[in-house]
């Protein structure tokens, strides 16, 4: 049974400061440079011995459980709020984050709240500490230290989102896994489920781009498939902290985040590890769907097992929100499209509405529930994972008349310069490092398959059996048949005046074997009119 408790919430302004010189010494050269330049393969900052009592809570740190898996997520307002989170193996006292700027030192502090969950297979308790940093200045570099009683601080930097229409870059991929070994059930050494070297290489790739934030579109680490789920989650954060301590990694929960006996719907571990800007008042649903704004981009993150047909997790949880997630989605879409400050609507989620791969397939449940909303409110871009390959659609709106699969209707044949005012572009970014790649499984006859129903009861494998219907995939845009791994970067050009054209320049990078070097697979541009023109 999963339980959660919280303590020590709140933030304070501290009168205890640290000089700029001392701050640089604490972060080391890599940490200091992160405030102003991209970092390549940035590692854990090594803290020097501290003389300032504001930062070292006790003189004797022997035996203290260390700060592990440092990672960032945006608060409700990315211009002024950031969450700093870390993991410990044991309870701690006085978890706190000290933060400030290079110019003014660590003048502020935020107490962390502690969330716990008990893993349902090992009965181990995991402690996750979340400090909410508030009243930050937009478009500003910050540095911070996370610590607790007796622990050596760990550190990072971040930049807040800009105010108003400013250029920015974000990145995205799904289906990562964790690149470490674990103990198998028989006591021998084994790999984390679906692990490959690309799982690590792709993190270095994100740091080469150095985005403002990163979207991780589900199936984060596949812990539900491992004997030691807690170790796998720890391996995931150990790997990703090389980037996630310097920029928010904003996740969507996929089917492999659904873990047997971890919370009422299996998502208790995911909910404990991430502090997310959820507006959901039901604790069972908190953090599973949420939204945030960066510049002129409104990002809406969904948890698709609520609305898809496919049975893909440890527990079948279709319909778990009782329609609350759909109501949230429509409310968010309506507000975003009505806003004169929002140009771009981006939806991040795991399972897919389009696929021409002989793997999971597209899901009719999502087409039925999301499709009309995406069309009505003019969603620009949908980012997914689930299929372990790269594919993107033409701009689509509505459905092909008479199709039982509700086949998305292409409104343009353009693949290089696309007007999203006409239709939505779907991107499958499932090459985040997982071993079971599907780029070799694209249908070659212009078709795709769609899950149109599932059995009422589980089959011999413990999951409901999917029924597939083949369709003419008239929406196919671009596919990468040669390379299994990669991620996309999106750079927003906001335009110059009210009513101008705004553009989103997209680059899809391959992460290549065997050395993890990057190469560009393709570039294309999305464009639409700004929302602040005359209406």
Protein backbone atom coordinates (compact mmCIF):
# COMPACT_ATOMS: atom_id res chain seq x y z
CA UNK A 1 0.00 0.00 0.00
CA UNK A 2 1.39 3.42 -0.96
CA UNK A 3 1.21 6.23 1.57
CA UNK A 4 2.24 9.86 1.31
CA UNK A 5 3.06 12.37 4.02
CA UNK A 6 4.17 15.97 3.77
CA UNK A 7 6.09 18.18 6.16
CA UNK A 8 7.90 21.51 6.36
CA UNK A 9 6.17 23.49 3.61
CA UNK A 10 7.01 27.13 3.04
CA UNK A 11 9.69 29.55 1.89
CA UNK A 12 11.56 32.33 3.67
CA UNK A 13 13.85 35.20 2.88
CA UNK A 14 17.13 34.66 4.67
CA UNK A 15 19.34 37.41 6.01
CA UNK A 16 22.31 35.06 5.81
CA UNK A 17 24.19 35.59 2.55
CA UNK A 18 27.12 34.18 0.65
CA UNK A 19 29.46 36.25 -1.43
CA UNK A 20 29.63 35.89 -5.22
CA UNK A 21 33.16 34.52 -4.88
CA UNK A 22 32.02 31.93 -2.31
CA UNK A 23 29.05 30.98 -4.50
CA UNK A 24 31.34 30.32 -7.45
CA UNK A 25 33.56 28.19 -5.26
CA UNK A 26 30.63 26.08 -4.11
CA UNK A 27 29.34 25.42 -7.61
CA UNK A 28 32.71 24.86 -9.22
CA UNK A 29 33.53 25.96 -12.75
CA UNK A 30 30.88 23.79 -14.43
CA UNK A 31 28.11 25.01 -12.13
CA UNK A 32 29.08 28.64 -12.49
CA UNK A 33 29.23 28.42 -16.26
CA UNK A 34 25.77 26.88 -16.36
CA UNK A 35 24.26 30.21 -15.45
CA UNK A 36 25.30 31.79 -18.72
CA UNK A 37 26.39 29.08 -21.19
CA UNK A 38 25.20 25.62 -22.30
CA UNK A 39 26.70 22.68 -20.45
CA UNK A 40 27.93 19.52 -22.14
CA UNK A 41 27.48 16.42 -20.00
CA UNK A 42 27.37 18.46 -16.83
CA UNK A 43 27.97 16.32 -13.78
CA UNK A 44 27.22 16.63 -10.10
CA UNK A 45 28.76 19.76 -8.69
CA UNK A 46 31.29 19.03 -5.96
CA UNK A 47 30.78 21.32 -3.01
CA UNK A 48 33.85 22.73 -1.30
CA UNK A 49 34.07 22.80 2.51
CA UNK A 50 31.67 25.48 3.74
CA UNK A 51 32.45 28.18 6.23
CA UNK A 52 29.05 29.83 6.11
CA UNK A 53 26.61 28.51 8.74
CA UNK A 54 23.76 29.56 6.44
CA UNK A 55 24.68 26.67 4.16
CA UNK A 56 26.09 24.00 6.45
CA UNK A 57 23.41 23.08 8.96
CA UNK A 58 25.67 21.10 11.27
CA UNK A 59 29.42 20.81 11.74
CA UNK A 60 29.34 17.01 11.73
CA UNK A 61 28.05 15.43 8.52
CA UNK A 62 29.27 11.88 9.21
CA UNK A 63 26.64 9.27 8.47
CA UNK A 64 24.11 11.64 6.94
CA UNK A 65 22.16 10.28 3.98
CA UNK A 66 23.25 12.26 0.91
CA UNK A 67 21.29 14.45 -1.48
CA UNK A 68 20.50 12.30 -4.52
CA UNK A 69 18.82 12.78 -7.90
CA UNK A 70 18.57 16.57 -7.86
CA UNK A 71 15.95 17.73 -10.38
CA UNK A 72 13.86 20.77 -11.30
CA UNK A 73 10.27 21.32 -12.36
CA UNK A 74 8.39 24.54 -13.05
CA UNK A 75 5.92 25.92 -10.57
CA UNK A 76 2.53 27.27 -11.64
CA UNK A 77 4.16 30.39 -13.09
CA UNK A 78 7.49 29.50 -14.76
CA UNK A 79 8.45 33.17 -14.80
CA UNK A 80 8.61 33.33 -11.02
CA UNK A 81 8.38 29.80 -9.57
CA UNK A 82 10.66 26.76 -9.64
CA UNK A 83 10.59 23.47 -7.69
CA UNK A 84 13.85 21.89 -6.54
CA UNK A 85 13.55 18.20 -5.65
CA UNK A 86 15.86 15.50 -4.37
CA UNK A 87 15.72 11.96 -2.97
CA UNK A 88 17.06 10.37 0.19
CA UNK A 89 17.14 6.78 1.43
CA UNK A 90 16.24 7.77 4.99
CA UNK A 91 14.25 10.45 6.81
CA UNK A 92 16.06 13.77 7.15
CA UNK A 93 15.57 16.93 9.17
CA UNK A 94 15.50 20.54 7.99
CA UNK A 95 15.56 19.96 4.20
CA UNK A 96 16.15 23.34 2.63
CA UNK A 97 17.24 25.07 -0.57
CA UNK A 98 19.37 28.24 -0.50
CA UNK A 99 19.23 30.23 -3.70
CA UNK A 100 20.08 33.51 -5.31
CA UNK A 101 22.02 35.03 -8.18
CA UNK A 102 25.73 35.27 -8.89
CA UNK A 103 25.51 39.03 -8.34
CA UNK A 104 23.79 38.89 -4.96
CA UNK A 105 24.64 35.48 -3.50
CA UNK A 106 22.43 32.98 -1.68
CA UNK A 107 20.17 35.52 -0.03
CA UNK A 108 16.96 33.47 -0.03
CA UNK A 109 15.87 30.09 1.29
CA UNK A 110 12.93 27.75 0.85
CA UNK A 111 12.06 24.96 3.25
CA UNK A 112 11.28 21.67 1.56
CA UNK A 113 8.25 19.50 2.14
CA UNK A 114 8.90 15.76 2.32
CA UNK A 115 6.75 13.26 0.44
CA UNK A 116 7.08 9.53 1.06
CA UNK A 117 5.81 6.43 -0.64
CA UNK A 118 6.20 2.76 0.22
CA UNK A 119 7.06 0.60 -2.77
CA UNK A 120 4.45 -2.12 -3.08
CA UNK A 121 6.84 -4.93 -4.00
CA UNK A 122 9.82 -4.28 -1.70
CA UNK A 123 8.09 -2.40 1.18
CA UNK A 124 10.94 0.13 1.02
CA UNK A 125 10.13 3.72 1.90
CA UNK A 126 11.37 6.45 -0.44
CA UNK A 127 11.75 10.05 0.74
CA UNK A 128 11.44 12.88 -1.78
CA UNK A 129 11.97 16.51 -0.81
CA UNK A 130 10.40 19.38 -2.76
CA UNK A 131 11.30 23.03 -2.18
CA UNK A 132 9.14 25.65 -3.92
CA UNK A 133 11.12 28.73 -4.92
CA UNK A 134 8.80 31.72 -5.34
CA UNK A 135 9.00 35.43 -6.14
CA UNK A 136 11.73 34.86 -8.72
CA UNK A 137 12.53 37.40 -11.42
CA UNK A 138 11.57 36.45 -15.00
CA UNK A 139 14.26 35.64 -17.57
CA UNK A 140 16.96 35.48 -14.87
CA UNK A 141 19.74 33.03 -14.03
CA UNK A 142 19.70 31.57 -10.51
CA UNK A 143 21.97 29.25 -8.60
CA UNK A 144 20.91 27.08 -5.68
CA UNK A 145 22.09 24.59 -3.07
CA UNK A 146 19.95 21.73 -1.74
CA UNK A 147 20.77 20.19 1.62
CA UNK A 148 19.41 18.80 4.87
CA UNK A 149 20.73 18.34 8.39
CA UNK A 150 24.29 16.99 8.24
CA UNK A 151 24.45 16.55 4.45
CA UNK A 152 26.93 18.05 2.01
CA UNK A 153 24.92 20.43 -0.24
CA UNK A 154 24.39 19.62 -3.88
CA UNK A 155 23.90 22.41 -6.37
CA UNK A 156 22.68 23.56 -9.75
CA UNK A 157 21.54 26.54 -11.76
CA UNK A 158 18.46 27.43 -13.77
CA UNK A 159 16.88 30.23 -15.78
CA UNK A 160 13.33 31.40 -15.25
CA UNK A 161 10.94 31.74 -18.18
CA UNK A 162 10.64 35.13 -19.87
CA UNK A 163 7.79 37.57 -19.41
CA UNK A 164 5.75 38.02 -22.57
CA UNK A 165 6.72 37.13 -26.11
CA UNK A 166 10.42 36.28 -26.13
CA UNK A 167 12.47 33.72 -28.07
CA UNK A 168 12.97 30.43 -26.27
CA UNK A 169 13.92 26.81 -26.96
CA UNK A 170 12.54 23.61 -25.50
CA UNK A 171 13.23 19.95 -26.26
CA UNK A 172 11.27 16.71 -26.11
CA UNK A 173 11.48 12.92 -26.28
CA UNK A 174 9.78 9.93 -24.68
CA UNK A 175 10.56 6.32 -23.74
CA UNK A 176 13.93 6.63 -22.04
CA UNK A 177 14.66 3.86 -19.50
CA UNK A 178 17.72 4.05 -17.20
CA UNK A 179 21.31 3.10 -18.18
CA UNK A 180 22.38 1.19 -15.08
CA UNK A 181 22.57 -2.39 -13.86
CA UNK A 182 20.41 -3.92 -11.18
CA UNK A 183 20.11 -7.23 -9.34
CA UNK A 184 18.01 -9.86 -11.10
CA UNK A 185 15.57 -12.08 -9.20
CA UNK A 186 18.17 -14.88 -9.00
CA UNK A 187 20.80 -12.54 -7.55
CA UNK A 188 22.83 -12.11 -10.71
CA UNK A 189 23.59 -8.78 -12.33
CA UNK A 190 21.07 -7.61 -14.90
CA UNK A 191 20.22 -4.48 -16.86
CA UNK A 192 17.37 -2.16 -16.01
CA UNK A 193 14.46 -3.03 -18.28
CA UNK A 194 14.93 -1.78 -21.85
CA UNK A 195 18.26 -0.08 -21.05
CA UNK A 196 20.70 1.00 -23.75
CA UNK A 197 23.70 3.37 -23.87
CA UNK A 198 21.46 5.82 -25.78
CA UNK A 199 19.50 6.31 -22.56
CA UNK A 200 22.54 8.15 -21.24
CA UNK A 201 23.77 9.68 -24.49
CA UNK A 202 20.47 11.48 -25.08
CA UNK A 203 20.85 13.42 -21.82
CA UNK A 204 24.19 14.77 -23.02
CA UNK A 205 22.43 15.65 -26.28
CA UNK A 206 19.84 17.73 -24.43
CA UNK A 207 22.64 19.63 -22.71
CA UNK A 208 24.27 20.40 -26.04
CA UNK A 209 21.07 22.21 -27.01
CA UNK A 210 20.65 23.69 -23.50
CA UNK A 211 16.88 24.38 -23.71
CA UNK A 212 14.84 26.43 -21.26
CA UNK A 213 12.90 23.27 -20.42
CA UNK A 214 12.48 19.67 -21.54
CA UNK A 215 9.30 17.62 -22.08
CA UNK A 216 9.59 13.92 -21.25
CA UNK A 217 6.63 12.20 -22.92
CA UNK A 218 6.04 9.14 -20.78
CA UNK A 219 7.63 5.73 -20.08
CA UNK A 220 10.34 7.40 -18.09
CA UNK A 221 12.31 4.46 -16.70
CA UNK A 222 10.19 1.28 -17.00
CA UNK A 223 10.56 0.58 -13.29
CA UNK A 224 7.37 -1.48 -13.33
CA UNK A 225 9.22 -4.16 -15.33
CA UNK A 226 12.15 -4.45 -12.91
CA UNK A 227 12.62 -6.56 -9.79
CA UNK A 228 13.94 -3.55 -7.84
CA UNK A 229 11.68 -0.66 -8.82
CA UNK A 230 13.19 1.73 -6.29
CA UNK A 231 16.71 1.16 -7.62
CA UNK A 232 15.50 1.78 -11.19
CA UNK A 233 13.91 5.10 -10.27
CA UNK A 234 17.13 6.05 -8.48
CA UNK A 235 19.14 5.11 -11.56
CA UNK A 236 16.82 7.24 -13.70
CA UNK A 237 17.38 10.34 -11.58
CA UNK A 238 21.12 9.66 -11.23
CA UNK A 239 21.35 9.67 -15.03
CA UNK A 240 19.11 12.64 -15.72
CA UNK A 241 20.34 14.96 -12.98
CA UNK A 242 23.18 15.82 -15.37
CA UNK A 243 20.55 17.92 -17.15
CA UNK A 244 17.53 18.12 -14.84
CA UNK A 245 19.43 20.09 -12.18
CA UNK A 246 19.99 22.87 -14.74
CA UNK A 247 16.59 23.04 -16.46
CA UNK A 248 13.11 21.72 -15.66
CA UNK A 249 12.28 18.28 -17.01
CA UNK A 250 8.48 18.29 -17.25
CA UNK A 251 7.12 14.71 -17.43
CA UNK A 252 3.96 13.06 -18.71
CA UNK A 253 3.17 9.72 -17.08
CA UNK A 254 3.01 6.80 -19.51
CA UNK A 255 1.69 3.28 -19.16
CA UNK A 256 4.96 2.03 -17.65
CA UNK A 257 4.62 4.49 -14.77
CA UNK A 258 1.60 2.43 -13.62
CA UNK A 259 3.08 0.15 -10.96
CA UNK A 260 1.21 -2.61 -9.16
CA UNK A 261 0.45 -1.79 -5.50
CA UNK A 262 1.89 1.74 -5.73
CA UNK A 263 -1.12 3.87 -4.92
CA UNK A 264 -4.81 3.47 -5.75
CA UNK A 265 -4.20 3.65 -9.52
CA UNK A 266 -0.53 2.61 -9.57
CA UNK A 267 0.94 6.08 -10.10
CA UNK A 268 2.01 6.78 -6.51
CA UNK A 269 5.76 6.62 -7.20
CA UNK A 270 5.50 9.04 -10.15
CA UNK A 271 3.39 11.42 -8.08
CA UNK A 272 5.87 11.35 -5.22
CA UNK A 273 8.97 12.00 -7.33
CA UNK A 274 7.71 15.08 -9.18
CA UNK A 275 6.35 18.40 -7.91
CA UNK A 276 4.13 19.56 -10.78
CA UNK A 277 1.85 22.59 -11.28
CA UNK A 278 -1.37 20.61 -10.93
CA UNK A 279 -4.68 22.31 -10.18
CA UNK A 280 -6.37 19.01 -9.32
CA UNK A 281 -7.91 19.00 -5.83
CA UNK A 282 -8.22 15.21 -5.59
CA UNK A 283 -4.96 13.81 -4.17
CA UNK A 284 -5.39 10.62 -6.20
CA UNK A 285 -5.25 12.67 -9.42
CA UNK A 286 -2.72 15.35 -8.42
CA UNK A 287 0.12 15.88 -10.87
CA UNK A 288 -1.23 13.54 -13.54
CA UNK A 289 -2.35 16.37 -15.83
CA UNK A 290 -1.27 19.98 -15.65
CA UNK A 291 -0.36 23.02 -17.74
CA UNK A 292 2.14 25.88 -17.77
CA UNK A 293 3.11 28.83 -19.92
CA UNK A 294 6.58 29.79 -21.15
CA UNK A 295 6.72 32.90 -23.30
CA UNK A 296 3.87 32.65 -25.81
CA UNK A 297 3.66 28.83 -25.51
CA UNK A 298 0.99 27.10 -23.45
CA UNK A 299 1.97 23.51 -22.69
CA UNK A 300 -0.74 21.07 -21.61
CA UNK A 301 0.45 17.71 -20.24
CA UNK A 302 -1.94 14.73 -20.19
CA UNK A 303 -1.98 11.22 -18.71
CA UNK A 304 -3.49 9.13 -21.50
CA UNK A 305 -4.29 5.84 -19.75
CA UNK A 306 -7.41 7.62 -18.52
CA UNK A 307 -8.72 8.06 -22.07
CA UNK A 308 -7.09 5.47 -24.32
CA UNK A 309 -8.31 1.93 -24.96
CA UNK A 310 -5.01 0.05 -24.78
CA UNK A 311 -4.14 -1.90 -21.64
CA UNK A 312 -0.45 -1.15 -21.17
CA UNK A 313 0.34 -0.80 -17.47
CA UNK A 314 0.42 -3.09 -14.45
CA UNK A 315 -3.22 -2.15 -13.80
CA UNK A 316 -5.93 -1.21 -16.32
CA UNK A 317 -7.07 2.26 -15.25
CA UNK A 318 -9.05 3.50 -18.25
CA UNK A 319 -11.58 6.11 -17.09
CA UNK A 320 -9.91 6.68 -13.71
CA UNK A 321 -10.64 10.43 -13.54
CA UNK A 322 -14.36 10.07 -14.25
CA UNK A 323 -14.12 12.70 -16.98
CA UNK A 324 -12.23 15.25 -14.90
CA UNK A 325 -9.15 15.16 -17.13
CA UNK A 326 -11.23 15.81 -20.25
CA UNK A 327 -12.96 18.72 -18.50
CA UNK A 328 -9.54 20.07 -17.52
CA UNK A 329 -8.31 19.72 -21.10
CA UNK A 330 -11.24 21.60 -22.61
CA UNK A 331 -11.00 24.36 -20.01
CA UNK A 332 -7.28 24.78 -20.70
CA UNK A 333 -7.68 24.72 -24.47
CA UNK A 334 -10.53 27.23 -24.44
CA UNK A 335 -8.61 29.65 -22.22
CA UNK A 336 -5.38 29.29 -24.20
CA UNK A 337 -6.97 29.94 -27.56
CA UNK A 338 -8.90 32.92 -26.20
CA UNK A 339 -5.78 34.50 -24.68
CA UNK A 340 -4.12 37.38 -26.52
CA UNK A 341 -0.87 36.40 -24.79
CA UNK A 342 -0.78 32.79 -26.04
CA UNK A 343 0.15 31.97 -29.62
CA UNK A 344 1.14 28.31 -29.44
CA UNK A 345 -0.74 25.40 -27.87
CA UNK A 346 1.44 22.33 -27.35
CA UNK A 347 0.04 19.08 -25.90
CA UNK A 348 2.51 16.58 -24.41
CA UNK A 349 1.28 13.04 -23.77
CA UNK A 350 2.38 9.42 -24.15
CA UNK A 351 0.07 7.20 -26.25
CA UNK A 352 -0.59 8.24 -29.83
CA UNK A 353 -3.41 9.28 -32.14
CA UNK A 354 -1.38 8.52 -35.28
CA UNK A 355 1.05 5.70 -36.07
CA UNK A 356 2.14 3.87 -39.21
CA UNK A 357 4.26 1.40 -37.25
CA UNK A 358 3.38 -2.24 -36.68
CA UNK A 359 3.82 -1.83 -32.93
CA UNK A 360 1.29 -0.39 -30.45
CA UNK A 361 -0.73 1.43 -33.08
CA UNK A 362 -2.89 4.55 -32.86
CA UNK A 363 -5.69 4.54 -30.28
CA UNK A 364 -9.31 5.16 -31.22
CA UNK A 365 -10.16 6.18 -27.67
CA UNK A 366 -7.86 9.19 -27.96
CA UNK A 367 -9.19 10.08 -31.39
CA UNK A 368 -12.75 10.01 -30.07
CA UNK A 369 -12.09 12.10 -26.97
CA UNK A 370 -9.22 14.41 -27.88
CA UNK A 371 -9.70 14.86 -31.61
CA UNK A 372 -12.76 17.14 -31.52
CA UNK A 373 -11.17 19.30 -28.81
CA UNK A 374 -7.86 19.63 -30.64
CA UNK A 375 -9.76 20.68 -33.77
CA UNK A 376 -12.16 23.08 -32.04
CA UNK A 377 -9.43 25.01 -30.24
CA UNK A 378 -6.72 24.81 -32.88
CA UNK A 379 -3.99 22.83 -31.10
CA UNK A 380 -0.72 23.45 -32.94
CA UNK A 381 1.46 20.56 -31.89
CA UNK A 382 0.99 17.19 -30.15
CA UNK A 383 4.15 15.50 -28.78
CA UNK A 384 4.04 11.80 -27.90
CA UNK A 385 6.16 8.74 -27.26
CA UNK A 386 4.90 5.12 -26.97
CA UNK A 387 6.01 4.03 -30.45
CA UNK A 388 9.81 3.67 -30.28
CA UNK A 389 10.59 5.59 -33.44
CA UNK A 390 10.32 9.04 -35.02
CA UNK A 391 7.32 9.98 -37.12
CA UNK A 392 5.34 13.15 -37.74
CA UNK A 393 2.07 13.82 -39.44
CA UNK A 394 0.94 16.36 -41.96
CA UNK A 395 -1.23 19.12 -40.52
CA UNK A 396 -4.60 17.49 -39.81
CA UNK A 397 -8.06 18.72 -38.92
CA UNK A 398 -11.25 16.72 -38.71
CA UNK A 399 -11.56 13.14 -39.95
CA UNK A 400 -11.75 11.42 -43.30
CA UNK A 401 -15.45 10.99 -44.02
CA UNK A 402 -16.84 7.52 -43.44
CA UNK A 403 -13.79 6.03 -41.69
CA UNK A 404 -14.57 3.83 -38.70
CA UNK A 405 -11.09 4.60 -37.35
CA UNK A 406 -11.76 8.38 -37.44
CA UNK A 407 -8.70 8.77 -39.65
CA UNK A 408 -7.24 12.29 -39.21
CA UNK A 409 -7.80 14.39 -42.31
CA UNK A 410 -4.75 16.13 -43.81
CA UNK A 411 -5.39 19.78 -44.70
CA UNK A 412 -2.04 20.37 -46.38
CA UNK A 413 0.73 18.34 -48.00
CA UNK A 414 3.45 20.70 -46.74
CA UNK A 415 6.23 19.10 -44.71
CA UNK A 416 8.81 21.89 -44.50
CA UNK A 417 6.81 25.07 -43.80
CA UNK A 418 3.51 24.28 -42.11
CA UNK A 419 0.64 26.58 -41.15
CA UNK A 420 -0.71 25.21 -37.87
CA UNK A 421 -3.57 27.65 -38.10
CA UNK A 422 -4.95 25.14 -40.60
CA UNK A 423 -4.33 21.97 -38.61
CA UNK A 424 -2.45 20.11 -35.89
CA UNK A 425 0.93 18.41 -36.35
CA UNK A 426 1.46 15.19 -34.36
CA UNK A 427 5.02 14.11 -33.54
CA UNK A 428 6.06 10.70 -32.19
CA UNK A 429 9.35 11.09 -30.31
CA UNK A 430 9.78 7.61 -28.86
CA UNK A 431 13.53 7.24 -29.35
CA UNK A 432 14.67 8.34 -25.91
CA UNK A 433 16.90 5.34 -25.32
CA UNK A 434 14.62 2.33 -24.94
CA UNK A 435 15.95 -0.95 -26.34
CA UNK A 436 12.85 -2.23 -28.15
CA UNK A 437 12.99 0.16 -31.11
CA UNK A 438 10.33 0.06 -33.84
CA UNK A 439 11.83 2.17 -36.65
CA UNK A 440 12.31 -1.05 -38.64
CA UNK A 441 8.58 -1.85 -38.37
CA UNK A 442 6.94 0.93 -40.39
CA UNK A 443 4.26 -0.28 -42.77
CA UNK A 444 5.53 0.12 -46.33
CA UNK A 445 2.13 0.24 -48.07
CA UNK A 446 0.89 3.59 -46.74
CA UNK A 447 -1.27 2.10 -44.02
CA UNK A 448 -1.39 2.20 -40.24
CA UNK A 449 -3.19 0.24 -37.57
CA UNK A 450 -5.61 1.52 -34.96
CA UNK A 451 -6.77 -0.05 -31.69
CA UNK A 452 -10.56 0.04 -32.05
CA UNK A 453 -11.52 -2.03 -29.00
CA UNK A 454 -10.14 -4.18 -26.18
CA UNK A 455 -11.48 -7.36 -24.62
CA UNK A 456 -13.72 -7.08 -21.58
CA UNK A 457 -11.43 -9.28 -19.50
CA UNK A 458 -7.65 -9.86 -19.44
CA UNK A 459 -6.09 -12.56 -21.59
CA UNK A 460 -3.41 -15.08 -20.66
CA UNK A 461 -0.79 -12.30 -20.44
CA UNK A 462 -2.85 -10.44 -17.84
CA UNK A 463 -3.84 -7.63 -20.21
CA UNK A 464 -6.95 -6.91 -22.25
CA UNK A 465 -6.47 -7.96 -25.84
CA UNK A 466 -6.51 -5.18 -28.44
CA UNK A 467 -8.51 -5.41 -31.65
CA UNK A 468 -6.82 -3.62 -34.56
CA UNK A 469 -8.26 -2.14 -37.72
CA UNK A 470 -6.04 -1.19 -40.65
CA UNK A 471 -6.45 2.28 -42.18
CA UNK A 472 -5.13 4.25 -45.12
CA UNK A 473 -2.67 6.53 -43.29
CA UNK A 474 -3.26 9.55 -45.50
CA UNK A 475 -1.87 11.79 -42.76
CA UNK A 476 1.72 10.42 -43.00
CA UNK A 477 4.29 13.21 -43.20
CA UNK A 478 7.90 12.21 -42.39
CA UNK A 479 9.36 9.02 -40.88
CA UNK A 480 12.89 8.06 -39.86
CA UNK A 481 13.38 4.46 -40.93
CA UNK A 482 17.16 4.37 -40.39
CA UNK A 483 17.81 5.70 -36.90
CA UNK A 484 16.17 4.51 -33.68
CA UNK A 485 17.23 7.25 -31.24
CA UNK A 486 16.77 10.99 -31.13
CA UNK A 487 14.97 14.05 -29.79
CA UNK A 488 13.43 17.25 -31.10
CA UNK A 489 14.30 20.87 -30.32
CA UNK A 490 11.78 23.68 -30.80
CA UNK A 491 12.86 27.33 -31.04
CA UNK A 492 10.14 29.95 -30.91
CA UNK A 493 10.45 33.17 -32.92
CA UNK A 494 7.65 35.31 -31.45
CA UNK A 495 7.51 37.82 -34.32
CA UNK A 496 7.98 41.56 -34.09
CA UNK A 497 4.59 43.24 -33.72
CA UNK A 498 0.95 42.58 -32.91
CA UNK A 499 -0.67 40.28 -35.46
CA UNK A 500 2.69 39.31 -36.97
CA UNK A 501 3.55 35.74 -37.98
CA UNK A 502 5.21 33.72 -35.23
CA UNK A 503 7.34 30.71 -36.09
CA UNK A 504 8.51 27.58 -34.36
CA UNK A 505 11.70 26.19 -35.88
CA UNK A 506 12.01 22.45 -35.28
CA UNK A 507 15.15 20.32 -35.48
CA UNK A 508 15.08 16.56 -35.03
CA UNK A 509 18.45 15.23 -33.89
CA UNK A 510 19.59 11.63 -34.17
CA UNK A 511 21.61 10.28 -31.24
CA UNK A 512 23.96 7.96 -33.07
CA UNK A 513 25.57 4.65 -32.20
CA UNK A 514 28.15 3.85 -30.93
CA UNK A 515 29.47 7.13 -29.49
CA UNK A 516 26.30 9.11 -28.86
CA UNK A 517 27.18 11.94 -31.25
CA UNK A 518 24.40 14.10 -32.66
CA UNK A 519 23.44 14.62 -36.28
CA UNK A 520 20.51 16.50 -37.79
CA UNK A 521 17.86 14.31 -39.40
CA UNK A 522 15.59 17.16 -40.47
CA UNK A 523 14.60 20.80 -39.99
CA UNK A 524 11.16 22.24 -40.57
CA UNK A 525 9.13 25.27 -39.49
CA UNK A 526 5.65 25.72 -38.07
CA UNK A 527 3.98 29.11 -38.36
CA UNK A 528 0.76 30.85 -37.39
CA UNK A 529 -0.55 34.38 -36.83
CA UNK A 530 -0.01 35.89 -33.39
CA UNK A 531 -3.09 36.06 -31.21
CA UNK A 532 -2.69 39.76 -30.39
CA UNK A 533 -3.77 40.98 -33.82
CA UNK A 534 -7.17 42.54 -34.49
CA UNK A 535 -10.05 40.13 -34.06
